[in-house]
Amino acid sequence: MSDARGHSVAIVGATGAVGIEMVKVLHNRRFPVATLKLLASARSASKKVTTPYGEKTIEEFSLDAVKGVDFVLMAVSGEFAKEFAPKIAAQGSIVIDNSSAFRYDDAIPLVVPEINAAAAKGHLLIANPNCTTAVLVMALYPLHQAFGLKRVIVSTYQAASGAGAEGMGELEDGLRSWAAGSKAENKVFAHPLPFNVIPHIDVFQPNGYTKEEMKVVWESRKIMGLPELLVSCTAVRIPTLRAHSEAVTIETLKPVTPAAAREVLKHAPGVKLVDDPANKLYPMPLTATGSDDVEVGRIRESLVFGANGLDFFCVGDQLLKGAALNAVQIAECVLPSLRKAA
């Protein structure tokens, strides 16, 4: 369905937090959209929504609805993706899936374009990484290229929107309840989130880590092509709406200094160096929200690993670089091959 104006694009899960952001990112990055379909469940079908492309009507998802579409961006559950993503790709569409369904399949690329864009070449089904991992590797990979990575220890401070629109709603409702003198309720999170932090995201695994924590391990290794990299993660939910924060300690193969690390990160694509503690400038959710770049700062020599180690802090908007933005960037990577085919 490509034409002189661009390409046909469909978003499956268009009414969710990530789907809504995908529409905005396509428009903001001037992706060559000729036609745009917004698809969701029967419950949302026929609903009219205002978008940068004008008023659109939500359609009920079906394989026929996406037949012939160039790009299908999926912001749906893993089970839904497992059932339908391969079928959509078999119809000839390029499918970029935001769920965890295919991330650990060796035959399917897991892509962060600033790191491994070439991995997407020739594939109709491409996996988008976990939001926490995407933010982390944006800072890790440039440092690995310059100094080599031996060990990575990370603690994450993840916003409510990591659990979707329902997570944000539960936090906001809980805060209103607290302000009214009532008790905050919890259905999305394991415990009430207002004025709390919860060291529990996703289900616990036999090794004592949660699946969210293991996603960071598995996905970082795959994206950076470092299958033996030592990674440990503790994932914590905090009462912010957007942007995931991460405190990171690395041990490097080569000696590294904070000044050298700053110079590398200053020139890294998709990274914004925010590292002037004397003037109270460092990465924060307030400043990273709505930004395409991952903020990195608080860079200092590790007191544990000395000349071969660093501690730093990074923050990225997980609805953008951690999800919608990265998906659109993957589509941008594939555009040249589509033009050649045309």
C-alpha atoms as a PDB file:
ATOM      1  CA  MET A   1       0.000   0.000   0.000  1.00  0.00           C
ATOM      2  CA  SER A   2       3.011   2.321  -0.391  1.00  0.00           C
ATOM      3  CA  ASP A   3       2.483   5.309  -2.660  1.00  0.00           C
ATOM      4  CA  ALA A   4       4.186   8.573  -3.527  1.00  0.00           C
ATOM      5  CA  ARG A   5       3.082  10.064  -0.201  1.00  0.00           C
ATOM      6  CA  GLY A   6       4.685   7.333   1.898  1.00  0.00           C
ATOM      7  CA  HIS A   7       3.668   4.070   3.517  1.00  0.00           C
ATOM      8  CA  SER A   8       0.640   2.539   5.152  1.00  0.00           C
ATOM      9  CA  VAL A   9       0.909   2.120   8.923  1.00  0.00           C
ATOM     10  CA  ALA A  10      -1.330   0.364  11.422  1.00  0.00           C
ATOM     11  CA  ILE A  11      -1.134   0.530  15.206  1.00  0.00           C
ATOM     12  CA  VAL A  12      -2.596  -2.444  17.054  1.00  0.00           C
ATOM     13  CA  GLY A  13      -3.454  -1.454  20.630  1.00  0.00           C
ATOM     14  CA  ALA A  14      -3.935   2.157  19.588  1.00  0.00           C
ATOM     15  CA  THR A  15      -6.004   3.144  22.642  1.00  0.00           C
ATOM     16  CA  GLY A  16      -3.329   2.190  25.209  1.00  0.00           C
ATOM     17  CA  ALA A  17      -0.627   4.467  26.588  1.00  0.00           C
ATOM     18  CA  VAL A  18       2.051   3.188  24.195  1.00  0.00           C
ATOM     19  CA  GLY A  19      -0.270   3.144  21.181  1.00  0.00           C
ATOM     20  CA  ILE A  20      -1.248   6.767  21.776  1.00  0.00           C
ATOM     21  CA  GLU A  21       2.431   7.738  21.983  1.00  0.00           C
ATOM     22  CA  MET A  22       3.180   5.861  18.745  1.00  0.00           C
ATOM     23  CA  VAL A  23       0.794   8.114  16.833  1.00  0.00           C
ATOM     24  CA  LYS A  24       2.463  11.223  18.246  1.00  0.00           C
ATOM     25  CA  VAL A  25       5.968   9.941  17.503  1.00  0.00           C
ATOM     26  CA  LEU A  26       5.112   9.066  13.901  1.00  0.00           C
ATOM     27  CA  HIS A  27       3.891  12.616  13.403  1.00  0.00           C
ATOM     28  CA  ASN A  28       6.687  14.362  15.319  1.00  0.00           C
ATOM     29  CA  ARG A  29       9.400  12.489  13.424  1.00  0.00           C
ATOM     30  CA  ARG A  30       7.671  13.082  10.082  1.00  0.00           C
ATOM     31  CA  PHE A  31       7.539   9.394   9.323  1.00  0.00           C
ATOM     32  CA  PRO A  32       6.226   9.063   5.742  1.00  0.00           C
ATOM     33  CA  VAL A  33       2.682   7.994   6.583  1.00  0.00           C
ATOM     34  CA  ALA A  34       0.346   7.744   3.610  1.00  0.00           C
ATOM     35  CA  THR A  35      -2.460   6.033   5.512  1.00  0.00           C
ATOM     36  CA  LEU A  36      -2.867   5.328   9.221  1.00  0.00           C
ATOM     37  CA  LYS A  37      -5.118   2.694  10.769  1.00  0.00           C
ATOM     38  CA  LEU A  38      -5.820   2.621  14.496  1.00  0.00           C
ATOM     39  CA  LEU A  39      -6.867  -0.826  15.704  1.00  0.00           C
ATOM     40  CA  ALA A  40      -8.020  -2.110  19.077  1.00  0.00           C
ATOM     41  CA  SER A  41     -10.483  -4.551  20.627  1.00  0.00           C
ATOM     42  CA  ALA A  42     -14.183  -4.694  19.813  1.00  0.00           C
ATOM     43  CA  ARG A  43     -14.821  -2.686  22.975  1.00  0.00           C
ATOM     44  CA  SER A  44     -13.085   0.360  21.478  1.00  0.00           C
ATOM     45  CA  ALA A  45     -14.207  -0.119  17.876  1.00  0.00           C
ATOM     46  CA  SER A  46     -16.078   2.825  16.310  1.00  0.00           C
ATOM     47  CA  LYS A  47     -14.694   5.219  18.917  1.00  0.00           C
ATOM     48  CA  LYS A  48     -13.523   8.476  17.341  1.00  0.00           C
ATOM     49  CA  VAL A  49     -10.206   9.977  18.497  1.00  0.00           C
ATOM     50  CA  THR A  50      -8.386  13.190  17.684  1.00  0.00           C
ATOM     51  CA  THR A  51      -4.852  12.682  16.355  1.00  0.00           C
ATOM     52  CA  PRO A  52      -2.195  14.829  14.646  1.00  0.00           C
ATOM     53  CA  TYR A  53      -3.490  13.198  11.440  1.00  0.00           C
ATOM     54  CA  GLY A  54      -7.020  14.409  12.057  1.00  0.00           C
ATOM     55  CA  GLU A  55      -9.986  12.616  13.534  1.00  0.00           C
ATOM     56  CA  LYS A  56      -9.686   8.837  13.255  1.00  0.00           C
ATOM     57  CA  THR A  57     -12.127   6.018  13.960  1.00  0.00           C
ATOM     58  CA  ILE A  58     -10.822   3.064  15.941  1.00  0.00           C
ATOM     59  CA  GLU A  59     -11.287  -0.193  14.028  1.00  0.00           C
ATOM     60  CA  GLU A  60     -11.636  -3.648  15.502  1.00  0.00           C
ATOM     61  CA  PHE A  61      -8.495  -5.679  14.911  1.00  0.00           C
ATOM     62  CA  SER A  62      -8.566  -8.522  12.407  1.00  0.00           C
ATOM     63  CA  LEU A  63      -6.017 -10.029  10.062  1.00  0.00           C
ATOM     64  CA  ASP A  64      -7.987  -8.658   7.138  1.00  0.00           C
ATOM     65  CA  ALA A  65      -7.806  -5.157   8.624  1.00  0.00           C
ATOM     66  CA  VAL A  66      -3.990  -5.171   8.398  1.00  0.00           C
ATOM     67  CA  LYS A  67      -3.647  -7.085   5.146  1.00  0.00           C
ATOM     68  CA  GLY A  68      -1.469  -5.141   2.730  1.00  0.00           C
ATOM     69  CA  VAL A  69      -0.281  -2.647   5.356  1.00  0.00           C
ATOM     70  CA  ASP A  70       3.440  -1.855   5.170  1.00  0.00           C
ATOM     71  CA  PHE A  71       4.155  -1.382   8.880  1.00  0.00           C
ATOM     72  CA  VAL A  72       2.183  -2.843  11.788  1.00  0.00           C
ATOM     73  CA  LEU A  73       3.238  -1.505  15.197  1.00  0.00           C
ATOM     74  CA  MET A  74       1.940  -3.680  18.014  1.00  0.00           C
ATOM     75  CA  ALA A  75       1.313  -2.387  21.546  1.00  0.00           C
ATOM     76  CA  VAL A  76      -0.531  -5.398  22.911  1.00  0.00           C
ATOM     77  CA  SER A  77      -0.097  -8.263  25.363  1.00  0.00           C
ATOM     78  CA  GLY A  78       2.436 -11.009  24.785  1.00  0.00           C
ATOM     79  CA  GLU A  79      -0.245 -13.648  24.340  1.00  0.00           C
ATOM     80  CA  PHE A  80      -2.018 -11.593  21.677  1.00  0.00           C
ATOM     81  CA  ALA A  81       1.283 -10.931  19.920  1.00  0.00           C
ATOM     82  CA  LYS A  82       2.230 -14.616  19.955  1.00  0.00           C
ATOM     83  CA  GLU A  83      -1.014 -15.501  18.254  1.00  0.00           C
ATOM     84  CA  PHE A  84      -1.191 -12.764  15.643  1.00  0.00           C
ATOM     85  CA  ALA A  85       2.231 -11.183  14.975  1.00  0.00           C
ATOM     86  CA  PRO A  86       3.566 -14.163  12.944  1.00  0.00           C
ATOM     87  CA  LYS A  87       0.318 -14.304  10.964  1.00  0.00           C
ATOM     88  CA  ILE A  88       0.528 -10.587  10.155  1.00  0.00           C
ATOM     89  CA  ALA A  89       4.160 -10.956   9.085  1.00  0.00           C
ATOM     90  CA  ALA A  90       3.182 -13.932   6.912  1.00  0.00           C
ATOM     91  CA  GLN A  91       0.865 -11.543   5.031  1.00  0.00           C
ATOM     92  CA  GLY A  92       3.918  -9.454   4.115  1.00  0.00           C
ATOM     93  CA  SER A  93       3.742  -6.615   6.662  1.00  0.00           C
ATOM     94  CA  ILE A  94       6.735  -5.512   8.711  1.00  0.00           C
ATOM     95  CA  VAL A  95       5.685  -6.126  12.309  1.00  0.00           C
ATOM     96  CA  ILE A  96       7.351  -4.324  15.212  1.00  0.00           C
ATOM     97  CA  ASP A  97       6.164  -5.874  18.451  1.00  0.00           C
ATOM     98  CA  ASN A  98       6.389  -4.083  21.774  1.00  0.00           C
ATOM     99  CA  SER A  99       5.603  -7.124  23.951  1.00  0.00           C
ATOM    100  CA  SER A 100       8.022  -9.667  25.400  1.00  0.00           C
ATOM    101  CA  ALA A 101       6.673 -12.458  23.180  1.00  0.00           C
ATOM    102  CA  PHE A 102       9.620 -12.696  20.786  1.00  0.00           C
ATOM    103  CA  ARG A 103      12.501 -10.964  22.544  1.00  0.00           C
ATOM    104  CA  TYR A 104      14.252 -14.171  23.531  1.00  0.00           C
ATOM    105  CA  ASP A 105      13.775 -15.985  20.227  1.00  0.00           C
ATOM    106  CA  ASP A 106      17.187 -16.282  18.563  1.00  0.00           C
ATOM    107  CA  ALA A 107      15.576 -16.095  15.132  1.00  0.00           C
ATOM    108  CA  ILE A 108      13.943 -12.712  15.812  1.00  0.00           C
ATOM    109  CA  PRO A 109      16.048  -9.551  16.207  1.00  0.00           C
ATOM    110  CA  LEU A 110      15.747  -7.434  19.350  1.00  0.00           C
ATOM    111  CA  VAL A 111      16.642  -3.943  18.235  1.00  0.00           C
ATOM    112  CA  VAL A 112      17.695  -0.594  19.642  1.00  0.00           C
ATOM    113  CA  PRO A 113      18.604   1.296  16.453  1.00  0.00           C
ATOM    114  CA  GLU A 114      21.482   3.301  17.952  1.00  0.00           C
ATOM    115  CA  ILE A 115      23.123  -0.020  18.838  1.00  0.00           C
ATOM    116  CA  ASN A 116      22.161  -2.812  16.443  1.00  0.00           C
ATOM    117  CA  ALA A 117      20.042  -1.400  13.620  1.00  0.00           C
ATOM    118  CA  ALA A 118      21.609  -3.833  11.137  1.00  0.00           C
ATOM    119  CA  ALA A 119      20.002  -6.751  12.985  1.00  0.00           C
ATOM    120  CA  ALA A 120      16.587  -5.719  11.640  1.00  0.00           C
ATOM    121  CA  LYS A 121      17.629  -6.076   8.001  1.00  0.00           C
ATOM    122  CA  GLY A 122      15.668  -8.701   6.099  1.00  0.00           C
ATOM    123  CA  HIS A 123      13.207  -9.451   8.928  1.00  0.00           C
ATOM    124  CA  LEU A 124       9.440  -9.005   8.829  1.00  0.00           C
ATOM    125  CA  LEU A 125       9.018  -9.540  12.582  1.00  0.00           C
ATOM    126  CA  ILE A 126      11.176  -7.416  14.907  1.00  0.00           C
ATOM    127  CA  ALA A 127      11.021  -7.208  18.698  1.00  0.00           C
ATOM    128  CA  ASN A 128      11.090  -3.975  20.700  1.00  0.00           C
ATOM    129  CA  PRO A 129      12.931  -4.297  24.044  1.00  0.00           C
ATOM    130  CA  ASN A 130      11.689  -3.901  27.582  1.00  0.00           C
ATOM    131  CA  CYS A 131      11.498  -0.211  28.468  1.00  0.00           C
ATOM    132  CA  THR A 132      13.982  -0.471  31.336  1.00  0.00           C
ATOM    133  CA  THR A 133      16.501  -2.280  29.159  1.00  0.00           C
ATOM    134  CA  ALA A 134      16.203   0.250  26.343  1.00  0.00           C
ATOM    135  CA  VAL A 135      17.009   3.135  28.684  1.00  0.00           C
ATOM    136  CA  LEU A 136      19.935   1.259  30.233  1.00  0.00           C
ATOM    137  CA  VAL A 137      21.687   0.126  27.052  1.00  0.00           C
ATOM    138  CA  MET A 138      21.616   3.637  25.611  1.00  0.00           C
ATOM    139  CA  ALA A 139      24.155   4.566  28.295  1.00  0.00           C
ATOM    140  CA  LEU A 140      25.938   1.217  28.517  1.00  0.00           C
ATOM    141  CA  TYR A 141      26.753   0.588  24.867  1.00  0.00           C
ATOM    142  CA  PRO A 142      28.844   3.734  24.181  1.00  0.00           C
ATOM    143  CA  LEU A 143      30.816   3.005  27.347  1.00  0.00           C
ATOM    144  CA  HIS A 144      31.278  -0.607  26.268  1.00  0.00           C
ATOM    145  CA  GLN A 145      32.595   0.487  22.884  1.00  0.00           C
ATOM    146  CA  ALA A 146      35.168   2.753  24.531  1.00  0.00           C
ATOM    147  CA  PHE A 147      36.173   0.803  27.629  1.00  0.00           C
ATOM    148  CA  GLY A 148      34.603  -2.679  27.496  1.00  0.00           C
ATOM    149  CA  LEU A 149      32.086  -3.972  30.019  1.00  0.00           C
ATOM    150  CA  LYS A 150      32.864  -6.684  32.553  1.00  0.00           C
ATOM    151  CA  ARG A 151      30.084  -6.284  35.126  1.00  0.00           C
ATOM    152  CA  VAL A 152      26.886  -4.246  35.360  1.00  0.00           C
ATOM    153  CA  ILE A 153      24.889  -3.740  38.572  1.00  0.00           C
ATOM    154  CA  VAL A 154      21.713  -1.686  38.251  1.00  0.00           C
ATOM    155  CA  SER A 155      18.848  -0.624  40.492  1.00  0.00           C
ATOM    156  CA  THR A 156      15.831   0.773  38.694  1.00  0.00           C
ATOM    157  CA  TYR A 157      13.219   3.250  39.917  1.00  0.00           C
ATOM    158  CA  GLN A 158      10.301   2.711  37.562  1.00  0.00           C
ATOM    159  CA  ALA A 159       7.330   4.990  36.992  1.00  0.00           C
ATOM    160  CA  ALA A 160       3.707   3.919  37.299  1.00  0.00           C
ATOM    161  CA  SER A 161       3.225   4.194  33.535  1.00  0.00           C
ATOM    162  CA  GLY A 162       5.471   1.173  33.151  1.00  0.00           C
ATOM    163  CA  ALA A 163       2.270  -0.704  34.007  1.00  0.00           C
ATOM    164  CA  GLY A 164       0.344   1.183  31.316  1.00  0.00           C
ATOM    165  CA  ALA A 165      -2.514   3.637  31.560  1.00  0.00           C
ATOM    166  CA  GLU A 166      -4.017   1.528  34.359  1.00  0.00           C
ATOM    167  CA  GLY A 167      -0.890   2.005  36.453  1.00  0.00           C
ATOM    168  CA  MET A 168      -0.942   5.763  36.035  1.00  0.00           C
ATOM    169  CA  GLY A 169      -4.647   5.825  36.855  1.00  0.00           C
ATOM    170  CA  GLU A 170      -4.159   3.799  40.019  1.00  0.00           C
ATOM    171  CA  LEU A 171      -1.431   6.154  41.251  1.00  0.00           C
ATOM    172  CA  GLU A 172      -3.527   9.247  40.530  1.00  0.00           C
ATOM    173  CA  ASP A 173      -6.621   7.725  42.144  1.00  0.00           C
ATOM    174  CA  GLY A 174      -4.574   6.693  45.170  1.00  0.00           C
ATOM    175  CA  LEU A 175      -3.193  10.188  45.615  1.00  0.00           C
ATOM    176  CA  ARG A 176      -6.688  11.660  45.416  1.00  0.00           C
ATOM    177  CA  SER A 177      -7.918   9.150  47.979  1.00  0.00           C
ATOM    178  CA  TRP A 178      -5.049  10.003  50.325  1.00  0.00           C
ATOM    179  CA  ALA A 179      -5.722  13.744  49.938  1.00  0.00           C
ATOM    180  CA  ALA A 180      -9.373  13.114  50.824  1.00  0.00           C
ATOM    181  CA  GLY A 181      -8.367  11.214  53.935  1.00  0.00           C
ATOM    182  CA  SER A 182      -9.134   7.754  52.532  1.00  0.00           C
ATOM    183  CA  LYS A 183      -6.933   4.724  51.992  1.00  0.00           C
ATOM    184  CA  ALA A 184      -5.267   4.199  48.609  1.00  0.00           C
ATOM    185  CA  GLU A 185      -6.420   1.000  46.921  1.00  0.00           C
ATOM    186  CA  ASN A 186      -4.314  -1.273  44.740  1.00  0.00           C
ATOM    187  CA  LYS A 187      -5.262  -3.642  41.935  1.00  0.00           C
ATOM    188  CA  VAL A 188      -2.521  -3.050  39.359  1.00  0.00           C
ATOM    189  CA  PHE A 189       0.384  -2.995  41.820  1.00  0.00           C
ATOM    190  CA  ALA A 190       1.218  -5.464  44.588  1.00  0.00           C
ATOM    191  CA  HIS A 191       0.767  -2.723  47.220  1.00  0.00           C
ATOM    192  CA  PRO A 192      -0.552   0.858  47.281  1.00  0.00           C
ATOM    193  CA  LEU A 193       1.967   3.046  45.425  1.00  0.00           C
ATOM    194  CA  PRO A 194       1.391   6.598  46.785  1.00  0.00           C
ATOM    195  CA  PHE A 195       4.197   7.550  49.202  1.00  0.00           C
ATOM    196  CA  ASN A 196       5.638   4.065  48.797  1.00  0.00           C
ATOM    197  CA  VAL A 197       8.249   2.169  46.791  1.00  0.00           C
ATOM    198  CA  ILE A 198       7.680  -1.467  45.830  1.00  0.00           C
ATOM    199  CA  PRO A 199      10.690  -3.735  45.096  1.00  0.00           C
ATOM    200  CA  HIS A 200       8.491  -6.060  43.075  1.00  0.00           C
ATOM    201  CA  ILE A 201       7.800  -5.733  39.324  1.00  0.00           C
ATOM    202  CA  ASP A 202       6.462  -8.765  37.439  1.00  0.00           C
ATOM    203  CA  VAL A 203       6.593 -12.290  38.880  1.00  0.00           C
ATOM    204  CA  PHE A 204       9.368 -13.767  41.003  1.00  0.00           C
ATOM    205  CA  GLN A 205      11.611 -16.375  39.393  1.00  0.00           C
ATOM    206  CA  PRO A 206      13.203 -19.459  41.024  1.00  0.00           C
ATOM    207  CA  ASN A 207      16.506 -17.568  41.435  1.00  0.00           C
ATOM    208  CA  GLY A 208      14.840 -14.875  43.595  1.00  0.00           C
ATOM    209  CA  TYR A 209      14.907 -12.205  40.891  1.00  0.00           C
ATOM    210  CA  THR A 210      11.711 -10.951  39.276  1.00  0.00           C
ATOM    211  CA  LYS A 211      11.049 -11.467  35.594  1.00  0.00           C
ATOM    212  CA  GLU A 212      11.441  -7.705  35.073  1.00  0.00           C
ATOM    213  CA  GLU A 213      14.927  -7.921  36.540  1.00  0.00           C
ATOM    214  CA  MET A 214      15.834 -10.915  34.390  1.00  0.00           C
ATOM    215  CA  LYS A 215      14.530  -9.137  31.276  1.00  0.00           C
ATOM    216  CA  VAL A 216      17.242  -6.540  31.839  1.00  0.00           C
ATOM    217  CA  VAL A 217      19.853  -9.310  32.025  1.00  0.00           C
ATOM    218  CA  TRP A 218      18.673 -11.293  29.000  1.00  0.00           C
ATOM    219  CA  GLU A 219      17.885  -8.349  26.755  1.00  0.00           C
ATOM    220  CA  SER A 220      21.013  -6.297  27.484  1.00  0.00           C
ATOM    221  CA  ARG A 221      23.135  -9.267  26.497  1.00  0.00           C
ATOM    222  CA  LYS A 222      21.223  -9.863  23.258  1.00  0.00           C
ATOM    223  CA  ILE A 223      21.054  -6.232  22.108  1.00  0.00           C
ATOM    224  CA  MET A 224      24.725  -5.513  22.757  1.00  0.00           C
ATOM    225  CA  GLY A 225      25.914  -8.899  21.508  1.00  0.00           C
ATOM    226  CA  LEU A 226      27.505  -9.762  24.861  1.00  0.00           C
ATOM    227  CA  PRO A 227      26.062 -13.179  25.810  1.00  0.00           C
ATOM    228  CA  GLU A 228      28.402 -13.652  28.785  1.00  0.00           C
ATOM    229  CA  LEU A 229      28.072 -10.164  30.294  1.00  0.00           C
ATOM    230  CA  LEU A 230      27.588 -10.246  34.072  1.00  0.00           C
ATOM    231  CA  VAL A 231      24.439  -8.255  34.898  1.00  0.00           C
ATOM    232  CA  SER A 232      22.452  -7.963  38.128  1.00  0.00           C
ATOM    233  CA  CYS A 233      19.301  -5.888  38.540  1.00  0.00           C
ATOM    234  CA  THR A 234      16.911  -4.834  41.301  1.00  0.00           C
ATOM    235  CA  ALA A 235      13.696  -3.304  39.922  1.00  0.00           C
ATOM    236  CA  VAL A 236      11.613  -0.977  42.092  1.00  0.00           C
ATOM    237  CA  ARG A 237       8.292   0.725  41.352  1.00  0.00           C
ATOM    238  CA  ILE A 238       8.110   4.341  42.545  1.00  0.00           C
ATOM    239  CA  PRO A 239       5.226   6.875  42.688  1.00  0.00           C
ATOM    240  CA  THR A 240       6.085   8.926  39.586  1.00  0.00           C
ATOM    241  CA  LEU A 241       3.975   9.013  36.425  1.00  0.00           C
ATOM    242  CA  ARG A 242       6.590   8.843  33.668  1.00  0.00           C
ATOM    243  CA  ALA A 243      10.286   8.136  33.027  1.00  0.00           C
ATOM    244  CA  HIS A 244      12.309   5.294  34.493  1.00  0.00           C
ATOM    245  CA  SER A 245      15.417   6.087  36.541  1.00  0.00           C
ATOM    246  CA  GLU A 246      18.388   3.765  36.965  1.00  0.00           C
ATOM    247  CA  ALA A 247      21.400   3.808  39.290  1.00  0.00           C
ATOM    248  CA  VAL A 248      24.185   1.946  37.519  1.00  0.00           C
ATOM    249  CA  THR A 249      27.573   0.593  38.576  1.00  0.00           C
ATOM    250  CA  ILE A 250      29.897  -0.836  35.938  1.00  0.00           C
ATOM    251  CA  GLU A 251      33.260  -2.566  35.985  1.00  0.00           C
ATOM    252  CA  THR A 252      35.192  -1.995  32.769  1.00  0.00           C
ATOM    253  CA  LEU A 253      37.862  -4.030  31.000  1.00  0.00           C
ATOM    254  CA  LYS A 254      40.003  -0.943  30.361  1.00  0.00           C
ATOM    255  CA  PRO A 255      40.729   1.861  32.837  1.00  0.00           C
ATOM    256  CA  VAL A 256      38.125   4.618  32.715  1.00  0.00           C
ATOM    257  CA  THR A 257      37.839   8.083  34.208  1.00  0.00           C
ATOM    258  CA  PRO A 258      34.690  10.135  34.741  1.00  0.00           C
ATOM    259  CA  ALA A 259      36.052  12.774  32.339  1.00  0.00           C
ATOM    260  CA  ALA A 260      36.643  10.189  29.618  1.00  0.00           C
ATOM    261  CA  ALA A 261      33.179   8.701  30.161  1.00  0.00           C
ATOM    262  CA  ARG A 262      31.578  12.157  29.907  1.00  0.00           C
ATOM    263  CA  GLU A 263      33.363  12.783  26.616  1.00  0.00           C
ATOM    264  CA  VAL A 264      32.070   9.492  25.206  1.00  0.00           C
ATOM    265  CA  LEU A 265      28.495  10.036  26.382  1.00  0.00           C
ATOM    266  CA  LYS A 266      28.459  13.649  25.197  1.00  0.00           C
ATOM    267  CA  HIS A 267      28.747  12.390  21.625  1.00  0.00           C
ATOM    268  CA  ALA A 268      26.576   9.264  21.941  1.00  0.00           C
ATOM    269  CA  PRO A 269      23.421   9.337  19.770  1.00  0.00           C
ATOM    270  CA  GLY A 270      20.197   9.486  21.753  1.00  0.00           C
ATOM    271  CA  VAL A 271      22.009  10.424  24.974  1.00  0.00           C
ATOM    272  CA  LYS A 272      21.933  13.777  26.763  1.00  0.00           C
ATOM    273  CA  LEU A 273      24.735  14.430  29.235  1.00  0.00           C
ATOM    274  CA  VAL A 274      23.300  16.152  32.321  1.00  0.00           C
ATOM    275  CA  ASP A 275      26.149  16.136  34.791  1.00  0.00           C
ATOM    276  CA  ASP A 276      26.758  19.364  36.706  1.00  0.00           C
ATOM    277  CA  PRO A 277      26.021  18.541  40.370  1.00  0.00           C
ATOM    278  CA  ALA A 278      27.489  21.846  41.551  1.00  0.00           C
ATOM    279  CA  ASN A 279      24.600  23.577  39.807  1.00  0.00           C
ATOM    280  CA  LYS A 280      22.104  20.871  40.794  1.00  0.00           C
ATOM    281  CA  LEU A 281      21.925  19.511  37.264  1.00  0.00           C
ATOM    282  CA  TYR A 282      21.518  15.746  36.969  1.00  0.00           C
ATOM    283  CA  PRO A 283      19.034  13.335  35.364  1.00  0.00           C
ATOM    284  CA  MET A 284      15.493  13.415  36.765  1.00  0.00           C
ATOM    285  CA  PRO A 285      12.071  12.150  35.678  1.00  0.00           C
ATOM    286  CA  LEU A 286      10.772  15.732  35.581  1.00  0.00           C
ATOM    287  CA  THR A 287      13.320  16.741  32.957  1.00  0.00           C
ATOM    288  CA  ALA A 288      13.410  13.465  31.012  1.00  0.00           C
ATOM    289  CA  THR A 289       9.631  13.184  30.599  1.00  0.00           C
ATOM    290  CA  GLY A 290       8.665  13.913  27.011  1.00  0.00           C
ATOM    291  CA  SER A 291      12.274  13.841  25.808  1.00  0.00           C
ATOM    292  CA  ASP A 292      13.541  11.491  23.111  1.00  0.00           C
ATOM    293  CA  ASP A 293      16.992  11.382  24.697  1.00  0.00           C
ATOM    294  CA  VAL A 294      18.132   9.378  27.713  1.00  0.00           C
ATOM    295  CA  GLU A 295      19.677  11.645  30.330  1.00  0.00           C
ATOM    296  CA  VAL A 296      22.930  10.471  31.934  1.00  0.00           C
ATOM    297  CA  GLY A 297      24.784  12.100  34.836  1.00  0.00           C
ATOM    298  CA  ARG A 298      26.160  11.760  38.383  1.00  0.00           C
ATOM    299  CA  ILE A 299      29.194  10.139  36.730  1.00  0.00           C
ATOM    300  CA  ARG A 300      31.926   9.286  39.240  1.00  0.00           C
ATOM    301  CA  GLU A 301      34.644   6.742  39.872  1.00  0.00           C
ATOM    302  CA  SER A 302      33.347   3.614  41.562  1.00  0.00           C
ATOM    303  CA  LEU A 303      34.579   3.210  45.122  1.00  0.00           C
ATOM    304  CA  VAL A 304      34.346  -0.553  44.584  1.00  0.00           C
ATOM    305  CA  PHE A 305      36.021  -1.022  41.198  1.00  0.00           C
ATOM    306  CA  GLY A 306      38.341   1.998  41.301  1.00  0.00           C
ATOM    307  CA  ALA A 307      40.087   2.937  38.048  1.00  0.00           C
ATOM    308  CA  ASN A 308      38.117   0.259  36.191  1.00  0.00           C
ATOM    309  CA  GLY A 309      34.706   1.308  37.384  1.00  0.00           C
ATOM    310  CA  LEU A 310      32.028   3.983  37.277  1.00  0.00           C
ATOM    311  CA  ASP A 311      28.822   4.858  39.071  1.00  0.00           C
ATOM    312  CA  PHE A 312      26.218   6.916  37.205  1.00  0.00           C
ATOM    313  CA  PHE A 313      22.508   7.710  37.028  1.00  0.00           C
ATOM    314  CA  CYS A 314      20.325   7.663  33.925  1.00  0.00           C
ATOM    315  CA  VAL A 315      16.685   8.508  33.225  1.00  0.00           C
ATOM    316  CA  GLY A 316      14.595   7.956  30.121  1.00  0.00           C
ATOM    317  CA  ASP A 317      10.947   8.347  29.212  1.00  0.00           C
ATOM    318  CA  GLN A 318       9.932   4.700  28.965  1.00  0.00           C
ATOM    319  CA  LEU A 319       6.850   5.505  26.891  1.00  0.00           C
ATOM    320  CA  LEU A 320       9.181   7.047  24.304  1.00  0.00           C
ATOM    321  CA  LYS A 321      12.668   5.547  24.055  1.00  0.00           C
ATOM    322  CA  GLY A 322      11.457   2.601  26.082  1.00  0.00           C
ATOM    323  CA  ALA A 323       8.550   1.871  23.740  1.00  0.00           C
ATOM    324  CA  ALA A 324       6.914   4.098  21.090  1.00  0.00           C
ATOM    325  CA  LEU A 325       9.954   6.054  19.924  1.00  0.00           C
ATOM    326  CA  ASN A 326      12.144   2.971  19.644  1.00  0.00           C
ATOM    327  CA  ALA A 327       9.456   1.179  17.609  1.00  0.00           C
ATOM    328  CA  VAL A 328       9.209   4.048  15.123  1.00  0.00           C
ATOM    329  CA  GLN A 329      13.002   4.264  14.921  1.00  0.00           C
ATOM    330  CA  ILE A 330      13.077   0.574  14.005  1.00  0.00           C
ATOM    331  CA  ALA A 331      10.587   1.309  11.217  1.00  0.00           C
ATOM    332  CA  GLU A 332      12.860   4.126  10.041  1.00  0.00           C
ATOM    333  CA  CYS A 333      15.761   1.670   9.870  1.00  0.00           C
ATOM    334  CA  VAL A 334      13.776  -0.579   7.559  1.00  0.00           C
ATOM    335  CA  LEU A 335      12.591   2.211   5.236  1.00  0.00           C
ATOM    336  CA  PRO A 336      15.643   2.130   2.917  1.00  0.00           C
ATOM    337  CA  SER A 337      15.108  -1.568   2.137  1.00  0.00           C
ATOM    338  CA  LEU A 338      11.442  -0.895   1.316  1.00  0.00           C
ATOM    339  CA  ARG A 339      12.427   1.909  -1.053  1.00  0.00           C
ATOM    340  CA  LYS A 340      14.872  -0.389  -2.835  1.00  0.00           C
ATOM    341  CA  ALA A 341      12.206  -3.071  -3.153  1.00  0.00           C
ATOM    342  CA  ALA A 342       9.809  -0.538  -4.641  1.00  0.00           C
END
